[in-house]
C-alpha cells in the first residue's frame, strides 16, 4: 500500500473511532435523558404519596368520631407499599451494569427522592400502627416554639 493509501486508511480508522465515540456519547445522553425523565416522574409520585399520607393522617385525626379504623390502616398500608415499590423502582433505575440491586438501593436511599420516599414509607407505617409520624413531630415542634 502506498503512503497516500496508508494515510487514508489511518484517517478512515480515526474517523471510525470518532464515530464510535460519538455514538457511545449519544447512547449515554439518551440514557441520562431517560433517567432524568424517570426522576421527574418519581418526584411527582413522591408528592402524590405525600398527599396520600396527609389524607390518611387527616383520616386518623377524625378517628375519634369514625369507626373505620381498618380502612385508615388499609390506606396507610397501601401508601407504604407504594413508597416501597417506588424505592425499588428508583434503585433499579440507578443500578449500574454488574452492580447488585442492594448496592443500587443503598445509593438510591441517599438521594433526595430516596430520602423523601423513605420518609413517606415510615410515616405510612406509623399511621398503620397508630404511632407518631414526622408530621406529628413537626407539629409538636411548632407548638413548642410558638
C-alpha atoms as a PDB file:
ATOM      1  CA  UNK A   1       0.000   0.000   0.000  1.00  0.00           C
ATOM      2  CA  UNK A   2       1.324   3.456  -0.869  1.00  0.00           C
ATOM      3  CA  UNK A   3       1.957   6.188   1.693  1.00  0.00           C
ATOM      4  CA  UNK A   4      -1.123   8.008   0.427  1.00  0.00           C
ATOM      5  CA  UNK A   5      -3.218   4.833   0.849  1.00  0.00           C
ATOM      6  CA  UNK A   6      -1.858   4.307   4.373  1.00  0.00           C
ATOM      7  CA  UNK A   7      -2.712   7.902   5.279  1.00  0.00           C
ATOM      8  CA  UNK A   8      -6.258   7.394   4.003  1.00  0.00           C
ATOM      9  CA  UNK A   9      -6.551   4.090   5.876  1.00  0.00           C
ATOM     10  CA  UNK A  10      -5.296   5.733   9.082  1.00  0.00           C
ATOM     11  CA  UNK A  11      -7.681   8.654   8.614  1.00  0.00           C
ATOM     12  CA  UNK A  12     -10.551   6.226   7.981  1.00  0.00           C
ATOM     13  CA  UNK A  13      -9.695   4.279  11.149  1.00  0.00           C
ATOM     14  CA  UNK A  14      -9.529   7.546  13.098  1.00  0.00           C
ATOM     15  CA  UNK A  15     -12.901   8.659  11.725  1.00  0.00           C
ATOM     16  CA  UNK A  16     -14.442   5.258  12.515  1.00  0.00           C
ATOM     17  CA  UNK A  17     -13.137   5.514  16.081  1.00  0.00           C
ATOM     18  CA  UNK A  18     -14.529   9.050  16.394  1.00  0.00           C
ATOM     19  CA  UNK A  19     -17.892   7.888  15.001  1.00  0.00           C
ATOM     20  CA  UNK A  20     -17.995   5.099  17.604  1.00  0.00           C
ATOM     21  CA  UNK A  21     -17.160   7.579  20.388  1.00  0.00           C
ATOM     22  CA  UNK A  22     -19.934   9.892  19.224  1.00  0.00           C
ATOM     23  CA  UNK A  23     -22.424   7.016  19.035  1.00  0.00           C
ATOM     24  CA  UNK A  24     -21.434   5.975  22.569  1.00  0.00           C
ATOM     25  CA  UNK A  25     -21.865   9.563  23.759  1.00  0.00           C
ATOM     26  CA  UNK A  26     -25.313   9.701  22.142  1.00  0.00           C
ATOM     27  CA  UNK A  27     -26.295   6.465  23.887  1.00  0.00           C
ATOM     28  CA  UNK A  28     -25.129   7.842  27.253  1.00  0.00           C
ATOM     29  CA  UNK A  29     -27.037  11.057  26.609  1.00  0.00           C
ATOM     30  CA  UNK A  30     -30.194   9.109  25.769  1.00  0.00           C
ATOM     31  CA  UNK A  31     -29.820   7.071  28.987  1.00  0.00           C
ATOM     32  CA  UNK A  32     -29.214  10.236  31.022  1.00  0.00           C
ATOM     33  CA  UNK A  33     -32.267  11.883  29.473  1.00  0.00           C
ATOM     34  CA  UNK A  34     -34.393   8.807  30.210  1.00  0.00           C
ATOM     35  CA  UNK A  35     -33.135   8.774  33.801  1.00  0.00           C
ATOM     36  CA  UNK A  36     -33.910  12.487  34.169  1.00  0.00           C
ATOM     37  CA  UNK A  37     -37.463  11.879  32.945  1.00  0.00           C
ATOM     38  CA  UNK A  38     -37.832   8.975  35.336  1.00  0.00           C
ATOM     39  CA  UNK A  39     -36.512  11.076  38.234  1.00  0.00           C
ATOM     40  CA  UNK A  40     -39.064  13.780  37.389  1.00  0.00           C
ATOM     41  CA  UNK A  41     -41.823  11.163  37.309  1.00  0.00           C
ATOM     42  CA  UNK A  42     -40.650   9.758  40.631  1.00  0.00           C
ATOM     43  CA  UNK A  43     -40.666  13.261  42.136  1.00  0.00           C
ATOM     44  CA  UNK A  44     -44.291  13.657  41.079  1.00  0.00           C
ATOM     45  CA  UNK A  45     -45.123  10.285  42.581  1.00  0.00           C
ATOM     46  CA  UNK A  46     -43.382  11.262  45.832  1.00  0.00           C
ATOM     47  CA  UNK A  47     -45.551  14.366  46.005  1.00  0.00           C
ATOM     48  CA  UNK A  48     -48.640  12.238  45.373  1.00  0.00           C
ATOM     49  CA  UNK A  49     -47.566   9.825  48.095  1.00  0.00           C
ATOM     50  CA  UNK A  50     -47.051  12.728  50.497  1.00  0.00           C
ATOM     51  CA  UNK A  51     -50.564  13.921  49.744  1.00  0.00           C
ATOM     52  CA  UNK A  52     -51.868  10.399  50.293  1.00  0.00           C
ATOM     53  CA  UNK A  53     -50.116  10.267  53.676  1.00  0.00           C
ATOM     54  CA  UNK A  54     -51.579  13.665  54.573  1.00  0.00           C
ATOM     55  CA  UNK A  55     -55.014  12.376  53.639  1.00  0.00           C
ATOM     56  CA  UNK A  56     -54.510   9.258  55.719  1.00  0.00           C
ATOM     57  CA  UNK A  57     -53.292  11.404  58.629  1.00  0.00           C
ATOM     58  CA  UNK A  58     -56.362  13.613  58.382  1.00  0.00           C
ATOM     59  CA  UNK A  59     -58.493  10.500  58.427  1.00  0.00           C
ATOM     60  CA  UNK A  60     -56.610   9.329  61.528  1.00  0.00           C
ATOM     61  CA  UNK A  61     -57.362  12.632  63.274  1.00  0.00           C
ATOM     62  CA  UNK A  62     -61.043  12.021  62.628  1.00  0.00           C
ATOM     63  CA  UNK A  63     -60.711   8.530  64.043  1.00  0.00           C
ATOM     64  CA  UNK A  64     -62.376   9.542  67.320  1.00  0.00           C
ATOM     65  CA  UNK A  65     -65.654  10.084  65.529  1.00  0.00           C
ATOM     66  CA  UNK A  66     -65.190   7.356  62.972  1.00  0.00           C
ATOM     67  CA  UNK A  67     -65.424   3.636  63.406  1.00  0.00           C
ATOM     68  CA  UNK A  68     -63.442   2.841  60.245  1.00  0.00           C
ATOM     69  CA  UNK A  69     -60.015   2.184  61.793  1.00  0.00           C
ATOM     70  CA  UNK A  70     -59.363  -0.704  59.450  1.00  0.00           C
ATOM     71  CA  UNK A  71     -59.962   1.445  56.372  1.00  0.00           C
ATOM     72  CA  UNK A  72     -57.456   4.011  57.594  1.00  0.00           C
ATOM     73  CA  UNK A  73     -54.900   1.314  58.307  1.00  0.00           C
ATOM     74  CA  UNK A  74     -55.526  -0.192  54.889  1.00  0.00           C
ATOM     75  CA  UNK A  75     -54.957   3.186  53.160  1.00  0.00           C
ATOM     76  CA  UNK A  76     -51.740   3.683  55.130  1.00  0.00           C
ATOM     77  CA  UNK A  77     -50.619   0.151  54.228  1.00  0.00           C
ATOM     78  CA  UNK A  78     -51.330   0.889  50.558  1.00  0.00           C
ATOM     79  CA  UNK A  79     -49.287   4.098  50.787  1.00  0.00           C
ATOM     80  CA  UNK A  80     -46.444   2.238  52.490  1.00  0.00           C
ATOM     81  CA  UNK A  81     -46.416  -0.423  49.768  1.00  0.00           C
ATOM     82  CA  UNK A  82     -46.446   2.259  47.056  1.00  0.00           C
ATOM     83  CA  UNK A  83     -43.489   4.027  48.634  1.00  0.00           C
ATOM     84  CA  UNK A  84     -41.582   0.739  48.906  1.00  0.00           C
ATOM     85  CA  UNK A  85     -42.345  -0.056  45.267  1.00  0.00           C
ATOM     86  CA  UNK A  86     -41.151   3.402  44.220  1.00  0.00           C
ATOM     87  CA  UNK A  87     -37.932   2.903  46.189  1.00  0.00           C
ATOM     88  CA  UNK A  88     -37.387  -0.386  44.364  1.00  0.00           C
ATOM     89  CA  UNK A  89     -38.121   1.298  41.042  1.00  0.00           C
ATOM     90  CA  UNK A  90     -35.690   4.123  41.829  1.00  0.00           C
ATOM     91  CA  UNK A  91     -32.954   1.665  42.797  1.00  0.00           C
ATOM     92  CA  UNK A  92     -33.473  -0.346  39.600  1.00  0.00           C
ATOM     93  CA  UNK A  93     -33.248   2.823  37.521  1.00  0.00           C
ATOM     94  CA  UNK A  94     -29.965   3.710  39.228  1.00  0.00           C
ATOM     95  CA  UNK A  95     -28.469   0.231  39.033  1.00  0.00           C
ATOM     96  CA  UNK A  96     -25.242   0.195  37.064  1.00  0.00           C
ATOM     97  CA  UNK A  97     -24.079  -2.721  34.921  1.00  0.00           C
ATOM     98  CA  UNK A  98     -22.832  -5.544  37.157  1.00  0.00           C
ATOM     99  CA  UNK A  99     -23.913  -3.745  40.334  1.00  0.00           C
ATOM    100  CA  UNK A 100     -26.060  -5.588  42.871  1.00  0.00           C
ATOM    101  CA  UNK A 101     -29.560  -4.355  43.491  1.00  0.00           C
ATOM    102  CA  UNK A 102     -28.736  -3.898  47.168  1.00  0.00           C
ATOM    103  CA  UNK A 103     -25.860  -1.523  46.383  1.00  0.00           C
ATOM    104  CA  UNK A 104     -28.040   0.493  43.992  1.00  0.00           C
ATOM    105  CA  UNK A 105     -30.792   0.534  46.658  1.00  0.00           C
ATOM    106  CA  UNK A 106     -28.361   1.967  49.222  1.00  0.00           C
ATOM    107  CA  UNK A 107     -27.304   4.667  46.733  1.00  0.00           C
ATOM    108  CA  UNK A 108     -30.961   5.401  45.980  1.00  0.00           C
ATOM    109  CA  UNK A 109     -31.671   5.898  49.696  1.00  0.00           C
ATOM    110  CA  UNK A 110     -29.012   8.615  49.780  1.00  0.00           C
ATOM    111  CA  UNK A 111     -30.736  10.706  47.101  1.00  0.00           C
ATOM    112  CA  UNK A 112     -33.285  13.428  47.927  1.00  0.00           C
ATOM    113  CA  UNK A 113     -36.032  11.399  46.278  1.00  0.00           C
ATOM    114  CA  UNK A 114     -34.936   8.261  48.130  1.00  0.00           C
ATOM    115  CA  UNK A 115     -34.987  10.101  51.441  1.00  0.00           C
ATOM    116  CA  UNK A 116     -38.450  11.516  50.691  1.00  0.00           C
ATOM    117  CA  UNK A 117     -39.764   8.083  49.716  1.00  0.00           C
ATOM    118  CA  UNK A 118     -38.309   6.569  52.871  1.00  0.00           C
ATOM    119  CA  UNK A 119     -39.918   9.313  54.981  1.00  0.00           C
ATOM    120  CA  UNK A 120     -43.237   8.687  53.241  1.00  0.00           C
ATOM    121  CA  UNK A 121     -42.879   4.950  53.855  1.00  0.00           C
ATOM    122  CA  UNK A 122     -42.013   5.493  57.524  1.00  0.00           C
ATOM    123  CA  UNK A 123     -44.946   7.872  58.048  1.00  0.00           C
ATOM    124  CA  UNK A 124     -47.358   5.456  56.388  1.00  0.00           C
ATOM    125  CA  UNK A 125     -46.025   2.627  58.544  1.00  0.00           C
ATOM    126  CA  UNK A 126     -46.539   4.720  61.677  1.00  0.00           C
ATOM    127  CA  UNK A 127     -50.081   5.525  60.563  1.00  0.00           C
ATOM    128  CA  UNK A 128     -50.706   1.792  60.181  1.00  0.00           C
ATOM    129  CA  UNK A 129     -49.579   1.242  63.769  1.00  0.00           C
ATOM    130  CA  UNK A 130     -51.203   4.365  65.162  1.00  0.00           C
ATOM    131  CA  UNK A 131     -47.741   5.687  66.012  1.00  0.00           C
ATOM    132  CA  UNK A 132     -46.134   9.100  65.752  1.00  0.00           C
ATOM    133  CA  UNK A 133     -45.322  10.393  62.267  1.00  0.00           C
ATOM    134  CA  UNK A 134     -42.806  13.029  61.212  1.00  0.00           C
ATOM    135  CA  UNK A 135     -45.763  15.362  60.715  1.00  0.00           C
ATOM    136  CA  UNK A 136     -46.741  14.884  64.369  1.00  0.00           C
ATOM    137  CA  UNK A 137     -43.186  15.711  65.438  1.00  0.00           C
ATOM    138  CA  UNK A 138     -43.129  18.825  63.223  1.00  0.00           C
ATOM    139  CA  UNK A 139     -46.446  19.957  64.674  1.00  0.00           C
ATOM    140  CA  UNK A 140     -45.175  19.420  68.233  1.00  0.00           C
ATOM    141  CA  UNK A 141     -42.048  21.480  67.449  1.00  0.00           C
ATOM    142  CA  UNK A 142     -44.222  24.287  66.102  1.00  0.00           C
ATOM    143  CA  UNK A 143     -46.312  24.320  69.255  1.00  0.00           C
ATOM    144  CA  UNK A 144     -43.214  24.347  71.471  1.00  0.00           C
ATOM    145  CA  UNK A 145     -41.654  27.224  69.536  1.00  0.00           C
ATOM    146  CA  UNK A 146     -44.841  29.290  69.365  1.00  0.00           C
END
